[in-house]
Amino acid sequence: MTDALNSREQGQTFAPRFDAQGLLTAVVVNSADSTVLMVAFMDEEALEATRNSGFAHFHSRSRGRLWKKGETSGHVLAVDRILVDCDQDTLVLFCNPAGPTCHTGARSCFYRELKGATLHPVTS
């Protein structure tokens, strides 16, 4: 294992590994019950804004700009802690949501379950 790889995977230095588009994957989990709420992407600006404000910010690929979750709805995500995966290209944000997380009004973006070839509402 090279020193740089060893440092990234075993060290204490935060060195996020952004992809070719300058993005990291961010999985948002409810701090209260560990429900997966959403998956989004962060660029350097979104990561910095999240760390500085304590509220989740993302890079909106459709708008091509910084996006604070809940900026229009008020359903912000207060960040409790951030986990970093082994190669530092994915984050897990443990958050306290101030309302529904999904733009559809659902508590989580993962409100359907695939059973065979059909989607069914998640009931538990």
C-alpha atoms as a PDB file:
ATOM      1  CA  MET A   1       0.000   0.000   0.000  1.00  0.00           C
ATOM      2  CA  THR A   2       1.433   3.396  -0.935  1.00  0.00           C
ATOM      3  CA  ASP A   3       1.934   6.046   1.734  1.00  0.00           C
ATOM      4  CA  ALA A   4      -0.734   8.286   0.175  1.00  0.00           C
ATOM      5  CA  LEU A   5      -3.263   5.443   0.019  1.00  0.00           C
ATOM      6  CA  ASN A   6      -2.397   4.316   3.528  1.00  0.00           C
ATOM      7  CA  SER A   7      -2.784   7.876   4.780  1.00  0.00           C
ATOM      8  CA  ARG A   8      -6.162   8.287   3.048  1.00  0.00           C
ATOM      9  CA  GLU A   9      -7.513   4.944   4.279  1.00  0.00           C
ATOM     10  CA  GLN A  10      -5.906   4.688   7.702  1.00  0.00           C
ATOM     11  CA  GLY A  11      -4.859   8.211   8.676  1.00  0.00           C
ATOM     12  CA  GLN A  12      -6.633  11.039  10.435  1.00  0.00           C
ATOM     13  CA  THR A  13      -6.341  13.619   7.678  1.00  0.00           C
ATOM     14  CA  PHE A  14      -9.585  14.464   5.907  1.00  0.00           C
ATOM     15  CA  ALA A  15      -8.750  14.392   2.194  1.00  0.00           C
ATOM     16  CA  PRO A  16     -12.030  13.991   0.297  1.00  0.00           C
ATOM     17  CA  ARG A  17     -11.713  12.295  -3.076  1.00  0.00           C
ATOM     18  CA  PHE A  18     -14.057  14.072  -5.477  1.00  0.00           C
ATOM     19  CA  ASP A  19     -14.930  12.350  -8.770  1.00  0.00           C
ATOM     20  CA  ALA A  20     -14.202  13.701 -12.259  1.00  0.00           C
ATOM     21  CA  GLN A  21     -17.223  16.037 -11.944  1.00  0.00           C
ATOM     22  CA  GLY A  22     -15.944  17.324  -8.596  1.00  0.00           C
ATOM     23  CA  LEU A  23     -18.591  15.496  -6.556  1.00  0.00           C
ATOM     24  CA  LEU A  24     -18.857  13.170  -3.560  1.00  0.00           C
ATOM     25  CA  THR A  25     -21.861  10.955  -2.828  1.00  0.00           C
ATOM     26  CA  ALA A  26     -23.673  11.892   0.382  1.00  0.00           C
ATOM     27  CA  VAL A  27     -26.108   9.512   2.059  1.00  0.00           C
ATOM     28  CA  VAL A  28     -28.415  11.267   4.527  1.00  0.00           C
ATOM     29  CA  VAL A  29     -29.612   9.252   7.516  1.00  0.00           C
ATOM     30  CA  ASN A  30     -32.047  10.258  10.251  1.00  0.00           C
ATOM     31  CA  SER A  31     -30.142  10.610  13.524  1.00  0.00           C
ATOM     32  CA  ALA A  32     -33.159   9.478  15.549  1.00  0.00           C
ATOM     33  CA  ASP A  33     -33.771   6.097  13.920  1.00  0.00           C
ATOM     34  CA  SER A  34     -31.122   5.556  11.190  1.00  0.00           C
ATOM     35  CA  THR A  35     -33.695   5.685   8.366  1.00  0.00           C
ATOM     36  CA  VAL A  36     -32.038   6.487   5.042  1.00  0.00           C
ATOM     37  CA  LEU A  37     -33.630   9.777   4.009  1.00  0.00           C
ATOM     38  CA  MET A  38     -31.957  10.688   0.736  1.00  0.00           C
ATOM     39  CA  VAL A  39     -28.850  10.467  -1.422  1.00  0.00           C
ATOM     40  CA  ALA A  40     -27.342  13.575  -2.978  1.00  0.00           C
ATOM     41  CA  PHE A  41     -24.015  14.952  -4.156  1.00  0.00           C
ATOM     42  CA  MET A  42     -21.632  17.440  -2.618  1.00  0.00           C
ATOM     43  CA  ASP A  43     -18.912  19.476  -4.246  1.00  0.00           C
ATOM     44  CA  GLU A  44     -16.233  21.367  -2.281  1.00  0.00           C
ATOM     45  CA  GLU A  45     -18.515  24.374  -1.841  1.00  0.00           C
ATOM     46  CA  ALA A  46     -21.395  22.267  -0.478  1.00  0.00           C
ATOM     47  CA  LEU A  47     -19.107  20.358   1.865  1.00  0.00           C
ATOM     48  CA  GLU A  48     -17.618  23.591   3.213  1.00  0.00           C
ATOM     49  CA  ALA A  49     -21.061  25.197   3.635  1.00  0.00           C
ATOM     50  CA  THR A  50     -22.309  22.110   5.484  1.00  0.00           C
ATOM     51  CA  ARG A  51     -19.324  22.014   7.814  1.00  0.00           C
ATOM     52  CA  ASN A  52     -19.489  25.762   8.499  1.00  0.00           C
ATOM     53  CA  SER A  53     -23.253  26.088   8.999  1.00  0.00           C
ATOM     54  CA  GLY A  54     -24.233  22.746  10.506  1.00  0.00           C
ATOM     55  CA  PHE A  55     -26.976  22.369   7.889  1.00  0.00           C
ATOM     56  CA  ALA A  56     -26.812  20.050   4.884  1.00  0.00           C
ATOM     57  CA  HIS A  57     -25.884  21.662   1.583  1.00  0.00           C
ATOM     58  CA  PHE A  58     -25.524  19.853  -1.710  1.00  0.00           C
ATOM     59  CA  HIS A  59     -24.581  20.483  -5.301  1.00  0.00           C
ATOM     60  CA  SER A  60     -27.697  20.567  -7.430  1.00  0.00           C
ATOM     61  CA  ARG A  61     -26.772  18.870 -10.680  1.00  0.00           C
ATOM     62  CA  SER A  62     -30.008  20.030 -12.345  1.00  0.00           C
ATOM     63  CA  ARG A  63     -29.521  23.677 -11.311  1.00  0.00           C
ATOM     64  CA  GLY A  64     -25.721  23.604 -11.467  1.00  0.00           C
ATOM     65  CA  ARG A  65     -25.361  25.423  -8.154  1.00  0.00           C
ATOM     66  CA  LEU A  66     -25.112  25.172  -4.389  1.00  0.00           C
ATOM     67  CA  TRP A  67     -28.351  24.042  -2.765  1.00  0.00           C
ATOM     68  CA  LYS A  68     -29.203  24.181   0.926  1.00  0.00           C
ATOM     69  CA  LYS A  69     -31.687  21.421   1.644  1.00  0.00           C
ATOM     70  CA  GLY A  70     -34.902  23.103   2.742  1.00  0.00           C
ATOM     71  CA  GLU A  71     -33.987  26.533   1.394  1.00  0.00           C
ATOM     72  CA  THR A  72     -37.511  26.992   0.008  1.00  0.00           C
ATOM     73  CA  SER A  73     -39.574  24.491   2.039  1.00  0.00           C
ATOM     74  CA  GLY A  74     -37.993  25.145   5.427  1.00  0.00           C
ATOM     75  CA  HIS A  75     -37.368  21.393   5.771  1.00  0.00           C
ATOM     76  CA  VAL A  76     -33.689  21.787   6.565  1.00  0.00           C
ATOM     77  CA  LEU A  77     -31.385  19.006   7.696  1.00  0.00           C
ATOM     78  CA  ALA A  78     -29.406  19.819  10.845  1.00  0.00           C
ATOM     79  CA  VAL A  79     -26.210  17.767  10.732  1.00  0.00           C
ATOM     80  CA  ASP A  80     -25.222  15.860  13.888  1.00  0.00           C
ATOM     81  CA  ARG A  81     -22.213  14.014  12.523  1.00  0.00           C
ATOM     82  CA  ILE A  82     -20.514  13.019   9.309  1.00  0.00           C
ATOM     83  CA  LEU A  83     -19.032   9.586   8.630  1.00  0.00           C
ATOM     84  CA  VAL A  84     -16.398   9.223   5.929  1.00  0.00           C
ATOM     85  CA  ASP A  85     -15.909   5.963   4.019  1.00  0.00           C
ATOM     86  CA  CYS A  86     -12.546   4.223   3.668  1.00  0.00           C
ATOM     87  CA  ASP A  87     -11.403   5.926   0.464  1.00  0.00           C
ATOM     88  CA  GLN A  88     -13.068   9.248   1.315  1.00  0.00           C
ATOM     89  CA  ASP A  89     -15.357   9.460  -1.706  1.00  0.00           C
ATOM     90  CA  THR A  90     -18.661   8.927   0.120  1.00  0.00           C
ATOM     91  CA  LEU A  91     -20.097  10.563   3.225  1.00  0.00           C
ATOM     92  CA  VAL A  92     -22.918   9.588   5.550  1.00  0.00           C
ATOM     93  CA  LEU A  93     -24.611  12.597   7.145  1.00  0.00           C
ATOM     94  CA  PHE A  94     -26.563  11.868  10.312  1.00  0.00           C
ATOM     95  CA  CYS A  95     -29.199  14.603  10.424  1.00  0.00           C
ATOM     96  CA  ASN A  96     -32.255  15.832  12.254  1.00  0.00           C
ATOM     97  CA  PRO A  97     -34.846  16.698   9.589  1.00  0.00           C
ATOM     98  CA  ALA A  98     -37.222  19.625  10.098  1.00  0.00           C
ATOM     99  CA  GLY A  99     -40.035  18.004   8.146  1.00  0.00           C
ATOM    100  CA  PRO A 100     -40.278  15.661   5.188  1.00  0.00           C
ATOM    101  CA  THR A 101     -37.028  15.074   3.308  1.00  0.00           C
ATOM    102  CA  CYS A 102     -38.391  14.123  -0.105  1.00  0.00           C
ATOM    103  CA  HIS A 103     -39.655  16.764  -2.531  1.00  0.00           C
ATOM    104  CA  THR A 104     -42.825  14.632  -2.859  1.00  0.00           C
ATOM    105  CA  GLY A 105     -43.633  15.302   0.804  1.00  0.00           C
ATOM    106  CA  ALA A 106     -42.624  11.818   1.910  1.00  0.00           C
ATOM    107  CA  ARG A 107     -40.563  11.424   5.077  1.00  0.00           C
ATOM    108  CA  SER A 108     -37.795   9.753   3.061  1.00  0.00           C
ATOM    109  CA  CYS A 109     -36.997   9.629  -0.639  1.00  0.00           C
ATOM    110  CA  PHE A 110     -37.015   5.842  -0.194  1.00  0.00           C
ATOM    111  CA  TYR A 111     -40.760   5.408   0.273  1.00  0.00           C
ATOM    112  CA  ARG A 112     -41.258   2.537  -2.207  1.00  0.00           C
ATOM    113  CA  GLU A 113     -40.077  -1.055  -2.155  1.00  0.00           C
ATOM    114  CA  LEU A 114     -39.427  -3.191  -5.215  1.00  0.00           C
ATOM    115  CA  LYS A 115     -41.301  -6.500  -5.038  1.00  0.00           C
ATOM    116  CA  GLY A 116     -40.811  -8.507  -8.207  1.00  0.00           C
ATOM    117  CA  ALA A 117     -41.310  -5.957 -10.968  1.00  0.00           C
ATOM    118  CA  THR A 118     -43.675  -3.693  -9.023  1.00  0.00           C
ATOM    119  CA  LEU A 119     -43.138  -0.787  -6.619  1.00  0.00           C
ATOM    120  CA  HIS A 120     -45.100  -0.847  -3.361  1.00  0.00           C
ATOM    121  CA  PRO A 121     -45.315   1.757  -0.581  1.00  0.00           C
ATOM    122  CA  VAL A 122     -42.993   1.113   2.350  1.00  0.00           C
ATOM    123  CA  THR A 123     -45.153   0.383   5.370  1.00  0.00           C
ATOM    124  CA  SER A 124     -42.548  -0.045   8.087  1.00  0.00           C
END
